[in-house]
Amino acid sequence: MFFIRRVQPGLRAMSFLLIVLAPLSLAGCGGANVTGTLSKWFGITSDSELDLGEDAPQTLARQAQERMEADDYKGAAELWQQLKDQYPYSQYATLGELKLGDALYLQAKYVEALGAYEDFERLHPDSDALPYAVYQQGMCYYMRMQGIDRDQTPTIQTIQTLARLVDMYPQNQYASMAQARIAEAQNNLAGHEFYVGEFYYNRKDYAAAMNRFMGLLQYYPDSGYHQKALNYIAEYRQLVAEGKAEDMGNQRDATFDSPFISEVSDPNQVAF
């Protein structure tokens, strides 16, 4: 696992989009790859990505993409929505459904973007673009993750959504990217467990604290909070040995590597 480092939302979005949104770009470098992606995902086979002036749906799609490239994501979202509403049976409408999510995401409207990506999955369950859509759903939760002292619901939703992607498409490139985000989210949960455990420990509610610390060791053994939890567990055992705290029972037998372990009566087998 990776030790989670909180990143400013704008920087996090920028670094992610450089990797993920490039395949969906309809202009710029790598035109052949772009055309191939469009052809595979949406059946758009034009050599010029979007044939200017051929019909109204293509024109709307071109105008929407021009807004995207100009960083006018609000205007782009309006045009992608118009494309969807006015030409629902066009192949460009399918593109618009996905790109609407992107335009909303780039405005940091993560709840609305999530809805767009979920709609795409519901309407196009067999699309080749589905791994991307599911990954973006996970990213909408990921971008709403908070610090370890806050509600962890978005963190859990990040893990659940991206784990579903990995399970559905284990060989897909987005599955590999999802693994890294899952690791970050798991570290956030580990940090939350440690934060709550430390809170209980400072209140001398040792039973509740040990439950948190032991859970952290069991479920997040490779997190950056592992050693800190071990230290608190060993310190608690020292308090019990000195008669300063009540023994909360034998929850588990384990060996701990901690600066406090040498002060425990039996450093090789510590009972919980």
Protein backbone atom coordinates (compact mmCIF):
# COMPACT_ATOMS: atom_id res chain seq x y z
CA MET A 1 0.00 0.00 0.00
CA PHE A 2 0.96 3.62 -0.43
CA PHE A 3 1.10 6.20 2.31
CA ILE A 4 -1.65 8.62 1.40
CA ARG A 5 -0.68 12.19 0.71
CA ARG A 6 -3.45 14.69 0.34
CA VAL A 7 -3.19 16.61 -2.91
CA GLN A 8 -4.92 19.82 -3.81
CA PRO A 9 -8.03 18.91 -5.82
CA GLY A 10 -7.01 20.99 -8.83
CA LEU A 11 -3.59 19.38 -9.07
CA ARG A 12 -5.00 15.94 -8.53
CA ALA A 13 -7.56 16.47 -11.30
CA MET A 14 -4.93 17.85 -13.65
CA SER A 15 -2.51 14.96 -13.18
CA PHE A 16 -5.30 12.44 -13.63
CA LEU A 17 -6.75 14.05 -16.73
CA LEU A 18 -3.39 14.16 -18.46
CA ILE A 19 -3.40 10.38 -18.34
CA VAL A 20 -7.04 9.45 -18.71
CA LEU A 21 -8.72 12.02 -20.93
CA ALA A 22 -6.08 11.99 -23.63
CA PRO A 23 -7.60 8.96 -25.42
CA LEU A 24 -10.91 10.82 -25.69
CA SER A 25 -9.48 14.00 -27.18
CA LEU A 26 -10.89 14.74 -30.62
CA ALA A 27 -8.03 16.98 -31.77
CA GLY A 28 -4.34 17.59 -31.23
CA CYS A 29 -1.36 15.23 -31.26
CA GLY A 30 -1.75 11.53 -31.87
CA GLY A 31 -4.66 11.89 -34.27
CA ALA A 32 -4.42 8.34 -35.52
CA ASN A 33 -4.70 6.92 -32.02
CA VAL A 34 -7.60 9.24 -31.27
CA THR A 35 -9.44 8.14 -34.40
CA GLY A 36 -8.84 4.52 -33.48
CA THR A 37 -10.30 5.05 -30.02
CA LEU A 38 -13.37 6.77 -31.43
CA SER A 39 -13.83 4.04 -33.99
CA LYS A 40 -13.54 1.30 -31.37
CA TRP A 41 -15.72 2.94 -28.76
CA PHE A 42 -18.33 4.81 -30.81
CA GLY A 43 -18.07 3.68 -34.43
CA ILE A 44 -16.74 7.08 -35.55
CA THR A 45 -14.37 6.25 -38.39
CA SER A 46 -13.71 9.61 -40.05
CA ASP A 47 -10.04 10.31 -40.76
CA SER A 48 -10.52 13.86 -39.51
CA GLU A 49 -12.05 12.73 -36.20
CA LEU A 50 -15.12 14.90 -36.78
CA ASP A 51 -16.06 15.74 -40.38
CA LEU A 52 -16.87 19.42 -40.27
CA GLY A 53 -20.27 20.34 -41.60
CA GLU A 54 -21.44 16.84 -42.57
CA ASP A 55 -24.50 16.86 -40.36
CA ALA A 56 -25.88 18.55 -37.29
CA PRO A 57 -24.81 15.96 -34.68
CA GLN A 58 -21.22 16.08 -35.92
CA THR A 59 -21.28 19.86 -35.88
CA LEU A 60 -22.53 19.91 -32.29
CA ALA A 61 -19.90 17.38 -31.27
CA ARG A 62 -17.17 19.44 -32.93
CA GLN A 63 -18.36 22.64 -31.26
CA ALA A 64 -18.58 20.91 -27.88
CA GLN A 65 -15.06 19.55 -28.21
CA GLU A 66 -13.77 22.98 -29.20
CA ARG A 67 -15.27 24.31 -25.97
CA MET A 68 -13.52 21.53 -24.06
CA GLU A 69 -10.18 22.42 -25.61
CA ALA A 70 -10.77 26.07 -24.72
CA ASP A 71 -11.41 25.06 -21.09
CA ASP A 72 -15.01 26.23 -21.41
CA TYR A 73 -16.37 23.15 -19.70
CA LYS A 74 -19.68 24.74 -18.81
CA GLY A 75 -20.34 25.62 -22.43
CA ALA A 76 -19.16 22.20 -23.53
CA ALA A 77 -21.51 20.48 -21.09
CA GLU A 78 -24.43 22.44 -22.49
CA LEU A 79 -23.58 21.37 -26.04
CA TRP A 80 -23.02 17.72 -25.10
CA GLN A 81 -26.41 17.80 -23.36
CA GLN A 82 -28.00 19.38 -26.43
CA LEU A 83 -26.49 16.69 -28.62
CA LYS A 84 -27.92 13.99 -26.39
CA ASP A 85 -31.37 15.55 -26.25
CA GLN A 86 -31.79 16.50 -29.91
CA TYR A 87 -30.09 13.54 -31.58
CA PRO A 88 -30.45 10.60 -29.18
CA TYR A 89 -29.98 7.97 -31.91
CA SER A 90 -26.81 9.44 -33.38
CA GLN A 91 -23.49 7.70 -32.75
CA TYR A 92 -22.30 11.11 -31.62
CA ALA A 93 -24.97 11.12 -28.93
CA THR A 94 -23.26 8.11 -27.36
CA LEU A 95 -20.01 10.05 -27.40
CA GLY A 96 -21.88 13.02 -25.93
CA GLU A 97 -23.16 10.94 -23.04
CA LEU A 98 -19.64 10.10 -21.98
CA LYS A 99 -18.15 13.50 -22.71
CA LEU A 100 -20.91 15.19 -20.73
CA GLY A 101 -19.53 13.36 -17.72
CA ASP A 102 -16.04 14.62 -18.56
CA ALA A 103 -17.23 18.21 -18.91
CA LEU A 104 -18.99 18.07 -15.55
CA TYR A 105 -16.00 16.36 -13.94
CA LEU A 106 -13.69 19.11 -15.15
CA GLN A 107 -15.96 21.64 -13.46
CA ALA A 108 -15.53 19.69 -10.20
CA LYS A 109 -19.24 18.83 -10.33
CA TYR A 110 -18.52 15.34 -9.17
CA VAL A 111 -22.05 14.36 -8.14
CA GLU A 112 -23.46 15.39 -11.52
CA ALA A 113 -20.56 13.78 -13.37
CA LEU A 114 -21.12 10.56 -11.45
CA GLY A 115 -24.72 10.53 -12.63
CA ALA A 116 -23.62 10.96 -16.25
CA TYR A 117 -21.12 8.11 -16.04
CA GLU A 118 -23.67 5.88 -14.32
CA ASP A 119 -26.20 6.67 -17.04
CA PHE A 120 -23.64 5.71 -19.67
CA GLU A 121 -23.04 2.37 -17.95
CA ARG A 122 -26.76 1.71 -17.67
CA LEU A 123 -27.47 2.59 -21.30
CA HIS A 124 -24.39 0.95 -22.82
CA PRO A 125 -23.48 -2.10 -20.71
CA ASP A 126 -21.57 -3.69 -23.61
CA SER A 127 -19.64 -0.61 -24.70
CA ASP A 128 -15.87 -0.80 -25.09
CA ALA A 129 -15.77 2.52 -23.24
CA LEU A 130 -17.37 1.01 -20.15
CA PRO A 131 -14.08 0.48 -18.22
CA TYR A 132 -13.38 4.19 -18.60
CA ALA A 133 -16.89 5.12 -17.47
CA VAL A 134 -16.65 2.92 -14.37
CA TYR A 135 -13.18 4.25 -13.60
CA GLN A 136 -14.52 7.78 -13.80
CA GLN A 137 -17.30 6.85 -11.41
CA GLY A 138 -14.64 5.80 -8.94
CA MET A 139 -12.75 9.03 -9.55
CA CYS A 140 -15.87 11.06 -8.79
CA TYR A 141 -15.87 9.46 -5.35
CA TYR A 142 -12.09 9.73 -5.05
CA MET A 143 -12.13 13.47 -5.67
CA ARG A 144 -14.59 13.85 -2.79
CA MET A 145 -12.44 11.95 -0.29
CA GLN A 146 -11.68 13.88 2.88
CA GLY A 147 -9.05 13.79 5.61
CA ILE A 148 -8.74 10.97 8.10
CA ASP A 149 -10.71 12.93 10.69
CA ARG A 150 -13.76 13.28 8.45
CA ASP A 151 -16.55 11.10 7.08
CA GLN A 152 -15.09 8.21 5.09
CA THR A 153 -18.16 7.38 2.99
CA PRO A 154 -16.60 8.67 -0.27
CA THR A 155 -13.46 6.69 0.55
CA ILE A 156 -15.43 3.47 0.91
CA GLN A 157 -17.37 4.21 -2.28
CA THR A 158 -14.09 4.79 -4.10
CA ILE A 159 -12.84 1.36 -3.08
CA GLN A 160 -16.11 -0.39 -3.88
CA THR A 161 -16.45 1.17 -7.34
CA LEU A 162 -12.85 0.69 -8.42
CA ALA A 163 -12.75 -2.84 -7.02
CA ARG A 164 -15.76 -3.60 -9.21
CA LEU A 165 -13.81 -2.30 -12.20
CA VAL A 166 -10.83 -4.51 -11.37
CA ASP A 167 -13.11 -7.51 -10.96
CA MET A 168 -14.94 -6.84 -14.24
CA TYR A 169 -11.92 -5.95 -16.40
CA PRO A 170 -8.77 -7.24 -14.67
CA GLN A 171 -6.59 -6.85 -17.80
CA ASN A 172 -7.79 -3.39 -18.77
CA GLN A 173 -5.47 -0.38 -18.47
CA TYR A 174 -7.99 1.35 -16.22
CA ALA A 175 -7.91 -1.61 -13.83
CA SER A 176 -4.20 -1.00 -13.30
CA MET A 177 -4.85 2.66 -12.62
CA ALA A 178 -7.69 1.73 -10.28
CA GLN A 179 -5.35 -0.38 -8.14
CA ALA A 180 -3.28 2.67 -7.25
CA ARG A 181 -6.38 4.68 -6.30
CA ILE A 182 -7.68 1.78 -4.21
CA ALA A 183 -4.38 1.67 -2.31
CA GLU A 184 -4.64 5.40 -1.56
CA ALA A 185 -8.22 5.02 -0.38
CA GLN A 186 -7.29 2.07 1.84
CA ASN A 187 -4.57 4.14 3.41
CA ASN A 188 -7.11 6.84 4.11
CA LEU A 189 -9.26 4.27 5.90
CA ALA A 190 -6.24 3.05 7.84
CA GLY A 191 -5.52 6.61 8.87
CA HIS A 192 -9.11 7.03 10.00
CA GLU A 193 -8.92 3.87 12.09
CA PHE A 194 -5.75 5.14 13.71
CA TYR A 195 -7.24 8.60 14.31
CA VAL A 196 -10.28 7.12 16.05
CA GLY A 197 -8.18 4.62 17.99
CA GLU A 198 -5.90 7.40 19.21
CA PHE A 199 -8.94 9.42 20.25
CA TYR A 200 -10.26 6.54 22.36
CA TYR A 201 -6.81 5.82 23.78
CA ASN A 202 -6.40 9.40 24.97
CA ARG A 203 -9.76 9.10 26.70
CA LYS A 204 -8.50 5.89 28.34
CA ASP A 205 -11.18 3.87 26.58
CA TYR A 206 -8.67 1.14 25.93
CA ALA A 207 -11.12 -1.52 24.75
CA ALA A 208 -12.39 0.70 21.95
CA ALA A 209 -8.87 1.85 21.12
CA MET A 210 -7.50 -1.69 20.91
CA ASN A 211 -10.36 -2.74 18.66
CA ARG A 212 -9.44 0.04 16.26
CA PHE A 213 -5.73 -0.64 16.35
CA MET A 214 -6.17 -4.38 15.97
CA GLY A 215 -8.53 -3.85 13.06
CA LEU A 216 -5.95 -1.62 11.43
CA LEU A 217 -3.30 -4.33 11.77
CA GLN A 218 -5.63 -6.96 10.37
CA TYR A 219 -7.06 -5.11 7.40
CA TYR A 220 -4.33 -2.60 6.53
CA PRO A 221 -1.05 -4.31 7.52
CA ASP A 222 1.04 -2.43 4.96
CA SER A 223 -0.24 1.04 5.71
CA GLY A 224 1.87 3.90 6.98
CA TYR A 225 0.00 3.68 10.29
CA HIS A 226 1.02 0.11 11.07
CA GLN A 227 3.97 0.90 13.33
CA LYS A 228 2.10 3.66 15.15
CA ALA A 229 -0.68 1.22 15.98
CA LEU A 230 1.86 -1.32 17.23
CA ASN A 231 3.36 1.30 19.50
CA TYR A 232 0.02 2.09 21.11
CA ILE A 233 -0.78 -1.61 21.55
CA ALA A 234 2.57 -2.26 23.24
CA GLU A 235 2.18 0.83 25.42
CA TYR A 236 -1.23 -0.40 26.51
CA ARG A 237 0.21 -3.82 27.41
CA GLN A 238 2.86 -2.07 29.49
CA LEU A 239 0.12 -0.19 31.38
CA VAL A 240 -1.62 -3.51 32.03
CA ALA A 241 1.62 -5.09 33.26
CA GLU A 242 2.12 -2.18 35.67
CA GLY A 243 -1.45 -2.42 36.93
CA LYS A 244 -2.34 1.00 35.52
CA ALA A 245 -4.94 -0.28 33.06
CA GLU A 246 -7.43 -3.13 33.03
CA ASP A 247 -6.63 -6.11 30.80
CA MET A 248 -9.36 -6.13 28.17
CA GLY A 249 -9.07 -9.82 27.40
CA ASN A 250 -7.28 -12.07 24.95
CA GLN A 251 -8.36 -10.89 21.55
CA ARG A 252 -5.37 -12.27 19.67
CA ASP A 253 -1.87 -13.65 20.07
CA ALA A 254 0.73 -11.80 18.02
CA THR A 255 4.35 -10.69 17.92
CA PHE A 256 4.96 -6.98 17.58
CA ASP A 257 7.96 -5.02 16.48
CA SER A 258 7.71 -1.83 18.49
CA PRO A 259 9.99 0.42 20.57
CA PHE A 260 7.71 -0.42 23.51
CA ILE A 261 7.87 -4.18 23.09
CA SER A 262 11.08 -4.62 25.11
CA GLU A 263 9.30 -3.30 28.19
CA VAL A 264 6.60 -5.96 28.00
CA SER A 265 7.07 -9.02 30.19
CA ASP A 266 7.00 -11.50 27.29
CA PRO A 267 8.13 -9.70 24.12
CA ASN A 268 7.66 -12.71 21.86
CA GLN A 269 4.04 -13.55 22.61
CA VAL A 270 1.75 -10.70 23.59
CA ALA A 271 -1.82 -11.62 24.41
CA PHE A 272 -4.82 -9.47 23.54
